[in-house]
Protein backbone atom coordinates (compact mmCIF):
# COMPACT_ATOMS: atom_id res chain seq x y z
CA MET A 1 -71.69 -73.21 -106.41
CA LEU A 2 -72.18 -72.27 -102.93
CA THR A 3 -75.42 -73.17 -101.22
CA PRO A 4 -77.65 -70.89 -99.18
CA GLN A 5 -76.28 -72.70 -96.03
CA ALA A 6 -72.63 -71.68 -97.15
CA PHE A 7 -73.69 -67.97 -97.13
CA ALA A 8 -75.34 -68.39 -93.79
CA ASP A 9 -72.13 -69.94 -92.33
CA LEU A 10 -70.01 -67.02 -93.82
CA GLN A 11 -72.30 -64.62 -91.89
CA VAL A 12 -71.79 -66.55 -88.68
CA PHE A 13 -68.04 -66.47 -89.32
CA LEU A 14 -68.11 -62.73 -89.73
CA ASP A 15 -70.09 -62.43 -86.46
CA ASP A 16 -67.50 -64.56 -84.68
CA VAL A 17 -64.28 -63.11 -86.01
CA ILE A 18 -64.95 -59.41 -85.52
CA SER A 19 -64.28 -58.58 -81.80
CA TYR A 20 -64.20 -54.73 -81.48
CA ALA A 21 -63.61 -51.43 -83.18
CA ALA A 22 -61.07 -48.66 -82.81
CA VAL A 23 -62.02 -45.14 -83.68
CA THR A 24 -59.70 -42.23 -84.22
CA ILE A 25 -61.18 -38.84 -83.12
CA ASP A 26 -58.88 -35.78 -83.72
CA GLY A 27 -55.84 -37.87 -83.85
CA LYS A 28 -56.48 -40.02 -80.67
CA THR A 29 -57.55 -43.68 -81.15
CA GLU A 30 -59.72 -45.40 -78.64
CA LYS A 31 -61.31 -48.90 -78.48
CA TYR A 32 -65.14 -49.18 -78.88
CA PRO A 33 -67.29 -52.24 -78.42
CA ILE A 34 -69.51 -53.67 -81.20
CA TYR A 35 -72.94 -52.13 -80.54
CA ARG A 36 -74.97 -54.48 -82.62
CA ARG A 37 -74.72 -57.02 -85.42
CA GLU A 38 -77.58 -57.69 -87.97
CA HIS A 39 -78.12 -60.09 -90.81
CA LEU A 40 -80.10 -58.04 -93.27
CA GLU A 41 -82.71 -59.49 -95.80
CA ASP A 42 -80.57 -58.50 -98.75
CA GLY A 43 -77.75 -60.85 -97.71
CA HIS A 44 -75.64 -58.06 -96.15
CA THR A 45 -74.11 -58.35 -92.56
CA ALA A 46 -74.04 -55.15 -90.64
CA ILE A 47 -71.75 -54.24 -87.84
CA PHE A 48 -72.62 -51.09 -85.75
CA ILE A 49 -70.48 -49.11 -83.51
CA GLN A 50 -72.01 -46.37 -81.29
CA ILE A 51 -69.45 -43.47 -81.34
CA THR A 52 -70.08 -40.98 -78.64
CA PRO A 53 -67.01 -39.16 -77.50
CA GLU A 54 -66.93 -37.69 -73.88
CA ASN A 55 -66.32 -34.26 -75.18
CA ALA A 56 -67.96 -34.10 -78.66
CA ALA A 57 -67.91 -30.41 -79.14
CA GLY A 58 -65.91 -29.50 -82.20
CA VAL A 59 -64.28 -32.91 -82.79
CA THR A 60 -64.00 -34.99 -86.01
CA VAL A 61 -64.10 -38.81 -86.38
CA GLN A 62 -61.24 -39.48 -88.68
CA GLU A 63 -61.09 -43.37 -89.04
CA VAL A 64 -63.12 -46.34 -87.91
CA GLN A 65 -61.38 -49.83 -87.78
CA LEU A 66 -62.71 -53.34 -86.98
CA PHE A 67 -60.45 -55.83 -85.29
CA ASN A 68 -60.54 -59.62 -85.03
CA LYS A 69 -60.07 -61.72 -82.01
CA ASN A 70 -56.28 -61.71 -82.50
CA ASN A 71 -56.23 -57.97 -82.36
CA GLN A 72 -55.47 -57.68 -86.08
CA PRO A 73 -57.23 -55.04 -88.09
CA TRP A 74 -59.91 -56.61 -90.25
CA ALA A 75 -61.47 -53.56 -91.84
CA VAL A 76 -60.52 -49.92 -92.10
CA LYS A 77 -62.44 -46.86 -93.30
CA ALA A 78 -61.07 -43.14 -93.28
CA GLU A 79 -63.79 -40.71 -92.44
CA LYS A 80 -64.44 -37.04 -91.94
CA ILE A 81 -67.48 -36.84 -89.63
CA PRO A 82 -67.76 -33.54 -87.69
CA LEU A 83 -69.47 -33.73 -84.15
CA GLU A 84 -70.28 -30.16 -83.15
CA GLU A 85 -72.52 -30.59 -80.15
CA VAL A 86 -71.47 -31.95 -76.73
CA GLN A 87 -74.29 -34.54 -76.62
CA GLU A 88 -73.81 -35.61 -80.29
CA GLY A 89 -72.62 -38.96 -81.26
CA VAL A 90 -72.83 -41.15 -84.37
CA LEU A 91 -74.11 -44.72 -84.92
CA TYR A 92 -71.56 -46.13 -87.55
CA ARG A 93 -72.23 -48.99 -89.72
CA PHE A 94 -69.99 -51.31 -91.74
CA THR A 95 -71.79 -53.62 -94.13
CA PHE A 96 -70.41 -56.73 -95.77
CA LYS A 97 -71.94 -59.04 -98.41
CA PHE A 98 -70.48 -62.26 -99.72
CA LEU A 99 -70.84 -62.90 -103.39
CA GLU A 100 -70.06 -65.76 -105.60
CA GLU A 101 -68.90 -65.15 -109.19
CA GLU A 102 -67.90 -67.42 -112.02
CA VAL A 103 -64.74 -66.30 -113.78
């Protein structure tokens, strides 16, 4: 069985391996920095991306991806998030939780 330290080490690994995000808005993909990382009390690790397009009037966030340090996709999520105001943006969050199960 994994120890609490093993789960803590997996959270540190996740912090270390994820390098940046790529966001597709109306068919155009752009690189975004990781805004914030958190280790939540329930054991989840959260990765936040602040998505604020230059011209957010009438655009749609279609996909959000996380990439590792080797520029390989690590997590991908299809979306349909409309942004209707010029000043509008979205704080997007991926959450991960490592679980151990006996099989």
